[in-house]
Amino acid sequence: MGTSHAAAITASPWRAQLSLHAAGIEVRVVEAARELWALGVGINVLPHATRELVELGLADELAATGIPTMELISHDRFGSRICVAGC
């Protein structure tokens, strides 16, 4: 049987890679950014991504390092608020 190859374009390549690896699928993540640096901002992990991390056995690490979302605000491309949700 030959080797299979697949490509996926995703905003969460590491989550996808970890889940596929856990399922026994070999994955190589290719980053498009030429340079990585700290921005001083946070990353909001939505419920479906949190579920993936919990299933990978990372619940304790996530709880120890994460800060729960207090409020989620969506803006349009002009900066006007679209909606505000308490979490």
C-alpha atoms as a PDB file:
ATOM      1  CA  MET A   1       0.000   0.000   0.000  1.00  0.00           C
ATOM      2  CA  GLY A   2       1.400   3.435  -0.940  1.00  0.00           C
ATOM      3  CA  THR A   3       1.759   6.541   1.179  1.00  0.00           C
ATOM      4  CA  SER A   4      -1.180   8.949   1.219  1.00  0.00           C
ATOM      5  CA  HIS A   5      -0.723  12.709   1.262  1.00  0.00           C
ATOM      6  CA  ALA A   6      -3.257  15.388   2.074  1.00  0.00           C
ATOM      7  CA  ALA A   7      -3.179  19.159   2.452  1.00  0.00           C
ATOM      8  CA  ALA A   8      -5.331  21.253   4.735  1.00  0.00           C
ATOM      9  CA  ILE A   9      -5.498  25.008   5.084  1.00  0.00           C
ATOM     10  CA  THR A  10      -6.539  25.944   8.583  1.00  0.00           C
ATOM     11  CA  ALA A  11      -6.216  28.738  11.106  1.00  0.00           C
ATOM     12  CA  SER A  12      -5.535  26.115  13.789  1.00  0.00           C
ATOM     13  CA  PRO A  13      -2.874  23.852  12.257  1.00  0.00           C
ATOM     14  CA  TRP A  14      -1.457  22.683  15.582  1.00  0.00           C
ATOM     15  CA  ARG A  15      -4.840  21.535  16.891  1.00  0.00           C
ATOM     16  CA  ALA A  16      -5.479  19.665  13.661  1.00  0.00           C
ATOM     17  CA  GLN A  17      -1.983  18.166  13.733  1.00  0.00           C
ATOM     18  CA  LEU A  18      -2.337  16.961  17.323  1.00  0.00           C
ATOM     19  CA  SER A  19      -5.741  15.387  16.663  1.00  0.00           C
ATOM     20  CA  LEU A  20      -4.574  13.649  13.500  1.00  0.00           C
ATOM     21  CA  HIS A  21      -1.403  12.463  15.220  1.00  0.00           C
ATOM     22  CA  ALA A  22      -3.496  11.040  18.080  1.00  0.00           C
ATOM     23  CA  ALA A  23      -5.493   9.142  15.436  1.00  0.00           C
ATOM     24  CA  GLY A  24      -2.262   7.620  14.077  1.00  0.00           C
ATOM     25  CA  ILE A  25      -1.977   9.837  11.011  1.00  0.00           C
ATOM     26  CA  GLU A  26       1.437  11.327  10.208  1.00  0.00           C
ATOM     27  CA  VAL A  27       1.200  15.089   9.709  1.00  0.00           C
ATOM     28  CA  ARG A  28       3.626  17.834   8.703  1.00  0.00           C
ATOM     29  CA  VAL A  29       2.599  21.433   9.479  1.00  0.00           C
ATOM     30  CA  VAL A  30       3.911  24.086   7.088  1.00  0.00           C
ATOM     31  CA  GLU A  31       3.758  27.647   8.441  1.00  0.00           C
ATOM     32  CA  ALA A  32       3.260  30.423   5.900  1.00  0.00           C
ATOM     33  CA  ALA A  33       4.521  33.264   8.104  1.00  0.00           C
ATOM     34  CA  ARG A  34       8.070  34.317   7.321  1.00  0.00           C
ATOM     35  CA  GLU A  35       8.686  35.369  10.917  1.00  0.00           C
ATOM     36  CA  LEU A  36       6.996  34.662  14.253  1.00  0.00           C
ATOM     37  CA  TRP A  37       7.015  37.129  17.146  1.00  0.00           C
ATOM     38  CA  ALA A  38       5.100  37.893  20.327  1.00  0.00           C
ATOM     39  CA  LEU A  39       2.193  40.273  19.765  1.00  0.00           C
ATOM     40  CA  GLY A  40       1.112  40.757  23.365  1.00  0.00           C
ATOM     41  CA  VAL A  41      -2.421  39.567  22.633  1.00  0.00           C
ATOM     42  CA  GLY A  42      -4.396  36.514  23.634  1.00  0.00           C
ATOM     43  CA  ILE A  43      -5.895  33.687  21.629  1.00  0.00           C
ATOM     44  CA  ASN A  44      -9.554  32.879  22.248  1.00  0.00           C
ATOM     45  CA  VAL A  45     -10.035  29.112  22.246  1.00  0.00           C
ATOM     46  CA  LEU A  46     -13.627  28.396  21.242  1.00  0.00           C
ATOM     47  CA  PRO A  47     -15.595  25.458  22.723  1.00  0.00           C
ATOM     48  CA  HIS A  48     -14.930  23.065  19.835  1.00  0.00           C
ATOM     49  CA  ALA A  49     -11.168  23.700  20.081  1.00  0.00           C
ATOM     50  CA  THR A  50     -11.284  23.304  23.868  1.00  0.00           C
ATOM     51  CA  ARG A  51     -13.005  19.936  23.403  1.00  0.00           C
ATOM     52  CA  GLU A  52     -10.156  18.806  21.123  1.00  0.00           C
ATOM     53  CA  LEU A  53      -7.542  19.849  23.704  1.00  0.00           C
ATOM     54  CA  VAL A  54      -9.436  18.045  26.489  1.00  0.00           C
ATOM     55  CA  GLU A  55      -9.669  14.895  24.348  1.00  0.00           C
ATOM     56  CA  LEU A  56      -5.897  15.074  23.845  1.00  0.00           C
ATOM     57  CA  GLY A  57      -5.440  15.000  27.631  1.00  0.00           C
ATOM     58  CA  LEU A  58      -4.510  18.685  27.970  1.00  0.00           C
ATOM     59  CA  ALA A  59      -7.365  19.817  30.246  1.00  0.00           C
ATOM     60  CA  ASP A  60      -5.152  20.386  33.296  1.00  0.00           C
ATOM     61  CA  GLU A  61      -2.550  22.363  31.327  1.00  0.00           C
ATOM     62  CA  LEU A  62      -5.265  24.456  29.697  1.00  0.00           C
ATOM     63  CA  ALA A  63      -6.880  25.227  33.063  1.00  0.00           C
ATOM     64  CA  ALA A  64      -3.499  26.096  34.620  1.00  0.00           C
ATOM     65  CA  THR A  65      -2.367  28.497  31.877  1.00  0.00           C
ATOM     66  CA  GLY A  66      -5.585  29.807  30.329  1.00  0.00           C
ATOM     67  CA  ILE A  67      -7.743  32.729  31.362  1.00  0.00           C
ATOM     68  CA  PRO A  68     -11.501  32.130  30.969  1.00  0.00           C
ATOM     69  CA  THR A  69     -13.234  34.418  28.466  1.00  0.00           C
ATOM     70  CA  MET A  70     -15.405  36.967  30.291  1.00  0.00           C
ATOM     71  CA  GLU A  71     -16.904  38.643  27.227  1.00  0.00           C
ATOM     72  CA  LEU A  72     -16.767  38.046  23.485  1.00  0.00           C
ATOM     73  CA  ILE A  73     -17.233  41.095  21.243  1.00  0.00           C
ATOM     74  CA  SER A  74     -17.561  40.849  17.458  1.00  0.00           C
ATOM     75  CA  HIS A  75     -16.762  43.833  15.240  1.00  0.00           C
ATOM     76  CA  ASP A  76     -17.292  44.475  11.550  1.00  0.00           C
ATOM     77  CA  ARG A  77     -14.412  45.467   9.283  1.00  0.00           C
ATOM     78  CA  PHE A  78     -14.921  49.130  10.192  1.00  0.00           C
ATOM     79  CA  GLY A  79     -14.623  48.521  13.943  1.00  0.00           C
ATOM     80  CA  SER A  80     -18.322  48.844  14.768  1.00  0.00           C
ATOM     81  CA  ARG A  81     -19.712  46.340  17.257  1.00  0.00           C
ATOM     82  CA  ILE A  82     -21.866  43.616  15.793  1.00  0.00           C
ATOM     83  CA  CYS A  83     -22.663  41.760  19.006  1.00  0.00           C
ATOM     84  CA  VAL A  84     -21.500  41.289  22.579  1.00  0.00           C
ATOM     85  CA  ALA A  85     -21.869  37.973  24.387  1.00  0.00           C
ATOM     86  CA  GLY A  86     -21.238  37.327  28.061  1.00  0.00           C
ATOM     87  CA  CYS A  87     -19.511  34.010  28.609  1.00  0.00           C
END
